[in-house]
PDB file of N, CA and C in Angstrom:
ATOM      1  N   MET A   1      19.861  -7.067   5.683  1.00  0.00           N
ATOM      2  CA  MET A   1      20.589  -8.319   5.701  1.00  0.00           C
ATOM      3  C   MET A   1      19.809  -9.410   4.979  1.00  0.00           C
ATOM      4  N   LYS A   2      18.508  -9.498   5.257  1.00  0.00           N
ATOM      5  CA  LYS A   2      17.675 -10.519   4.635  1.00  0.00           C
ATOM      6  C   LYS A   2      17.676 -10.371   3.115  1.00  0.00           C
ATOM      7  N   GLU A   3      17.568  -9.141   2.638  1.00  0.00           N
ATOM      8  CA  GLU A   3      17.560  -8.902   1.196  1.00  0.00           C
ATOM      9  C   GLU A   3      18.888  -9.276   0.552  1.00  0.00           C
ATOM     10  N   GLN A   4      19.985  -9.057   1.251  1.00  0.00           N
ATOM     11  CA  GLN A   4      21.301  -9.436   0.731  1.00  0.00           C
ATOM     12  C   GLN A   4      21.390 -10.950   0.563  1.00  0.00           C
ATOM     13  N   ILE A   5      20.874 -11.680   1.530  1.00  0.00           N
ATOM     14  CA  ILE A   5      20.871 -13.146   1.452  1.00  0.00           C
ATOM     15  C   ILE A   5      19.987 -13.604   0.302  1.00  0.00           C
ATOM     16  N   PHE A   6      18.818 -13.002   0.172  1.00  0.00           N
ATOM     17  CA  PHE A   6      17.922 -13.344  -0.938  1.00  0.00           C
ATOM     18  C   PHE A   6      18.602 -13.077  -2.280  1.00  0.00           C
ATOM     19  N   ASP A   7      19.298 -11.952  -2.381  1.00  0.00           N
ATOM     20  CA  ASP A   7      19.985 -11.606  -3.624  1.00  0.00           C
ATOM     21  C   ASP A   7      21.062 -12.626  -3.964  1.00  0.00           C
ATOM     22  N   ILE A   8      21.791 -13.093  -2.956  1.00  0.00           N
ATOM     23  CA  ILE A   8      22.834 -14.098  -3.182  1.00  0.00           C
ATOM     24  C   ILE A   8      22.208 -15.411  -3.651  1.00  0.00           C
ATOM     25  N   ILE A   9      21.156 -15.845  -2.975  1.00  0.00           N
ATOM     26  CA  ILE A   9      20.478 -17.090  -3.379  1.00  0.00           C
ATOM     27  C   ILE A   9      19.937 -16.952  -4.794  1.00  0.00           C
ATOM     28  N   GLU A  10      19.368 -15.812  -5.111  1.00  0.00           N
ATOM     29  CA  GLU A  10      18.828 -15.589  -6.455  1.00  0.00           C
ATOM     30  C   GLU A  10      19.936 -15.635  -7.509  1.00  0.00           C
ATOM     31  N   THR A  11      21.077 -15.039  -7.215  1.00  0.00           N
ATOM     32  CA  THR A  11      22.201 -15.060  -8.149  1.00  0.00           C
ATOM     33  C   THR A  11      22.700 -16.478  -8.375  1.00  0.00           C
ATOM     34  N   ILE A  12      22.828 -17.233  -7.302  1.00  0.00           N
ATOM     35  CA  ILE A  12      23.344 -18.599  -7.398  1.00  0.00           C
ATOM     36  C   ILE A  12      22.349 -19.537  -8.082  1.00  0.00           C
ATOM     37  N   SER A  13      21.072 -19.388  -7.745  1.00  0.00           N
ATOM     38  CA  SER A  13      20.067 -20.325  -8.265  1.00  0.00           C
ATOM     39  C   SER A  13      19.476 -19.900  -9.605  1.00  0.00           C
ATOM     40  N   GLY A  14      19.517 -18.607  -9.896  1.00  0.00           N
ATOM     41  CA  GLY A  14      18.940 -18.120 -11.149  1.00  0.00           C
ATOM     42  C   GLY A  14      17.438 -17.946 -11.099  1.00  0.00           C
ATOM     43  N   THR A  15      16.845 -17.961  -9.909  1.00  0.00           N
ATOM     44  CA  THR A  15      15.403 -17.788  -9.767  1.00  0.00           C
ATOM     45  C   THR A  15      15.097 -17.007  -8.504  1.00  0.00           C
ATOM     46  N   ASP A  16      13.903 -16.420  -8.493  1.00  0.00           N
ATOM     47  CA  ASP A  16      13.481 -15.690  -7.299  1.00  0.00           C
ATOM     48  C   ASP A  16      12.185 -16.249  -6.723  1.00  0.00           C
ATOM     49  N   GLU A  17      11.774 -17.432  -7.177  1.00  0.00           N
ATOM     50  CA  GLU A  17      10.503 -18.000  -6.732  1.00  0.00           C
ATOM     51  C   GLU A  17      10.470 -18.315  -5.237  1.00  0.00           C
ATOM     52  N   PHE A  18      11.614 -18.462  -4.607  1.00  0.00           N
ATOM     53  CA  PHE A  18      11.657 -18.741  -3.164  1.00  0.00           C
ATOM     54  C   PHE A  18      11.199 -17.537  -2.340  1.00  0.00           C
ATOM     55  N   ARG A  19      11.232 -16.348  -2.911  1.00  0.00           N
ATOM     56  CA  ARG A  19      10.831 -15.135  -2.178  1.00  0.00           C
ATOM     57  C   ARG A  19       9.335 -15.142  -1.845  1.00  0.00           C
ATOM     58  N   GLU A  20       8.546 -15.844  -2.626  1.00  0.00           N
ATOM     59  CA  GLU A  20       7.102 -15.900  -2.411  1.00  0.00           C
ATOM     60  C   GLU A  20       6.722 -16.844  -1.278  1.00  0.00           C
ATOM     61  N   ASP A  21       7.549 -17.839  -1.027  1.00  0.00           N
ATOM     62  CA  ASP A  21       7.257 -18.851   0.001  1.00  0.00           C
ATOM     63  C   ASP A  21       8.528 -19.117   0.796  1.00  0.00           C
ATOM     64  N   LEU A  22       8.696 -18.419   1.893  1.00  0.00           N
ATOM     65  CA  LEU A  22       9.931 -18.526   2.666  1.00  0.00           C
ATOM     66  C   LEU A  22      10.067 -19.863   3.388  1.00  0.00           C
ATOM     67  N   ASP A  23       9.011 -20.669   3.423  1.00  0.00           N
ATOM     68  CA  ASP A  23       9.072 -21.999   4.025  1.00  0.00           C
ATOM     69  C   ASP A  23       9.417 -23.079   3.007  1.00  0.00           C
ATOM     70  N   MET A  24       9.643 -22.684   1.776  1.00  0.00           N
ATOM     71  CA  MET A  24       9.926 -23.616   0.684  1.00  0.00           C
ATOM     72  C   MET A  24      11.233 -24.371   0.962  1.00  0.00           C
ATOM     73  N   ASP A  25      11.235 -25.662   0.695  1.00  0.00           N
ATOM     74  CA  ASP A  25      12.447 -26.469   0.795  1.00  0.00           C
ATOM     75  C   ASP A  25      13.231 -26.264  -0.509  1.00  0.00           C
ATOM     76  N   LEU A  26      14.315 -25.523  -0.420  1.00  0.00           N
ATOM     77  CA  LEU A  26      15.066 -25.148  -1.613  1.00  0.00           C
ATOM     78  C   LEU A  26      15.686 -26.351  -2.321  1.00  0.00           C
ATOM     79  N   PHE A  27      16.036 -27.388  -1.589  1.00  0.00           N
ATOM     80  CA  PHE A  27      16.591 -28.592  -2.203  1.00  0.00           C
ATOM     81  C   PHE A  27      15.497 -29.417  -2.873  1.00  0.00           C
ATOM     82  N   GLU A  28      14.384 -29.579  -2.192  1.00  0.00           N
ATOM     83  CA  GLU A  28      13.280 -30.364  -2.741  1.00  0.00           C
ATOM     84  C   GLU A  28      12.729 -29.729  -4.021  1.00  0.00           C
ATOM     85  N   GLU A  29      12.698 -28.414  -4.060  1.00  0.00           N
ATOM     86  CA  GLU A  29      12.172 -27.697  -5.229  1.00  0.00           C
ATOM     87  C   GLU A  29      13.206 -27.564  -6.348  1.00  0.00           C
ATOM     88  N   GLY A  30      14.442 -28.021  -6.105  1.00  0.00           N
ATOM     89  CA  GLY A  30      15.475 -27.967  -7.129  1.00  0.00           C
ATOM     90  C   GLY A  30      16.127 -26.607  -7.289  1.00  0.00           C
ATOM     91  N   ILE A  31      15.863 -25.708  -6.362  1.00  0.00           N
ATOM     92  CA  ILE A  31      16.471 -24.379  -6.426  1.00  0.00           C
ATOM     93  C   ILE A  31      17.935 -24.452  -6.009  1.00  0.00           C
ATOM     94  N   LEU A  32      18.233 -25.252  -4.995  1.00  0.00           N
ATOM     95  CA  LEU A  32      19.609 -25.498  -4.580  1.00  0.00           C
ATOM     96  C   LEU A  32      19.928 -26.973  -4.740  1.00  0.00           C
ATOM     97  N   ASP A  33      21.175 -27.236  -5.074  1.00  0.00           N
ATOM     98  CA  ASP A  33      21.701 -28.596  -5.055  1.00  0.00           C
ATOM     99  C   ASP A  33      23.014 -28.539  -4.280  1.00  0.00           C
ATOM    100  N   SER A  34      23.734 -29.618  -4.228  1.00  0.00           N
ATOM    101  CA  SER A  34      24.935 -29.645  -3.390  1.00  0.00           C
ATOM    102  C   SER A  34      25.976 -28.623  -3.837  1.00  0.00           C
ATOM    103  N   MET A  35      26.175 -28.468  -5.132  1.00  0.00           N
ATOM    104  CA  MET A  35      27.169 -27.510  -5.622  1.00  0.00           C
ATOM    105  C   MET A  35      26.734 -26.072  -5.334  1.00  0.00           C
ATOM    106  N   ARG A  36      25.470 -25.786  -5.552  1.00  0.00           N
ATOM    107  CA  ARG A  36      24.974 -24.435  -5.269  1.00  0.00           C
ATOM    108  C   ARG A  36      24.994 -24.134  -3.768  1.00  0.00           C
ATOM    109  N   ALA A  37      24.805 -25.139  -2.945  1.00  0.00           N
ATOM    110  CA  ALA A  37      24.881 -24.941  -1.500  1.00  0.00           C
ATOM    111  C   ALA A  37      26.308 -24.567  -1.094  1.00  0.00           C
ATOM    112  N   ILE A  38      27.295 -25.205  -1.696  1.00  0.00           N
ATOM    113  CA  ILE A  38      28.694 -24.862  -1.431  1.00  0.00           C
ATOM    114  C   ILE A  38      28.971 -23.429  -1.887  1.00  0.00           C
ATOM    115  N   MET A  39      28.465 -23.074  -3.048  1.00  0.00           N
ATOM    116  CA  MET A  39      28.636 -21.708  -3.550  1.00  0.00           C
ATOM    117  C   MET A  39      28.004 -20.700  -2.586  1.00  0.00           C
ATOM    118  N   LEU A  40      26.869 -21.054  -2.029  1.00  0.00           N
ATOM    119  CA  LEU A  40      26.185 -20.192  -1.067  1.00  0.00           C
ATOM    120  C   LEU A  40      27.013 -20.040   0.212  1.00  0.00           C
ATOM    121  N   ILE A  41      27.628 -21.108   0.670  1.00  0.00           N
ATOM    122  CA  ILE A  41      28.435 -21.083   1.881  1.00  0.00           C
ATOM    123  C   ILE A  41      29.663 -20.189   1.715  1.00  0.00           C
ATOM    124  N   VAL A  42      30.308 -20.256   0.577  1.00  0.00           N
ATOM    125  CA  VAL A  42      31.555 -19.503   0.383  1.00  0.00           C
ATOM    126  C   VAL A  42      31.339 -18.096  -0.150  1.00  0.00           C
ATOM    127  N   GLU A  43      30.118 -17.741  -0.485  1.00  0.00           N
ATOM    128  CA  GLU A  43      29.811 -16.393  -0.982  1.00  0.00           C
ATOM    129  C   GLU A  43      30.097 -15.359   0.097  1.00  0.00           C
ATOM    130  N   ASN A  44      30.720 -14.275  -0.294  1.00  0.00           N
ATOM    131  CA  ASN A  44      31.042 -13.200   0.659  1.00  0.00           C
ATOM    132  C   ASN A  44      29.921 -12.243   0.752  1.00  0.00           C
TER     133      ASN A  44
END
């Protein structure tokens, strides 16, 4: 399950740098923004 979530975030954000630091603030680091967060919410 965890890997599936990581794969979805990676697809939406275009990066995998969050995998190295699971405590990373994805918004602060620019990996997610409001539109990408919506995409993450509606992803099946």
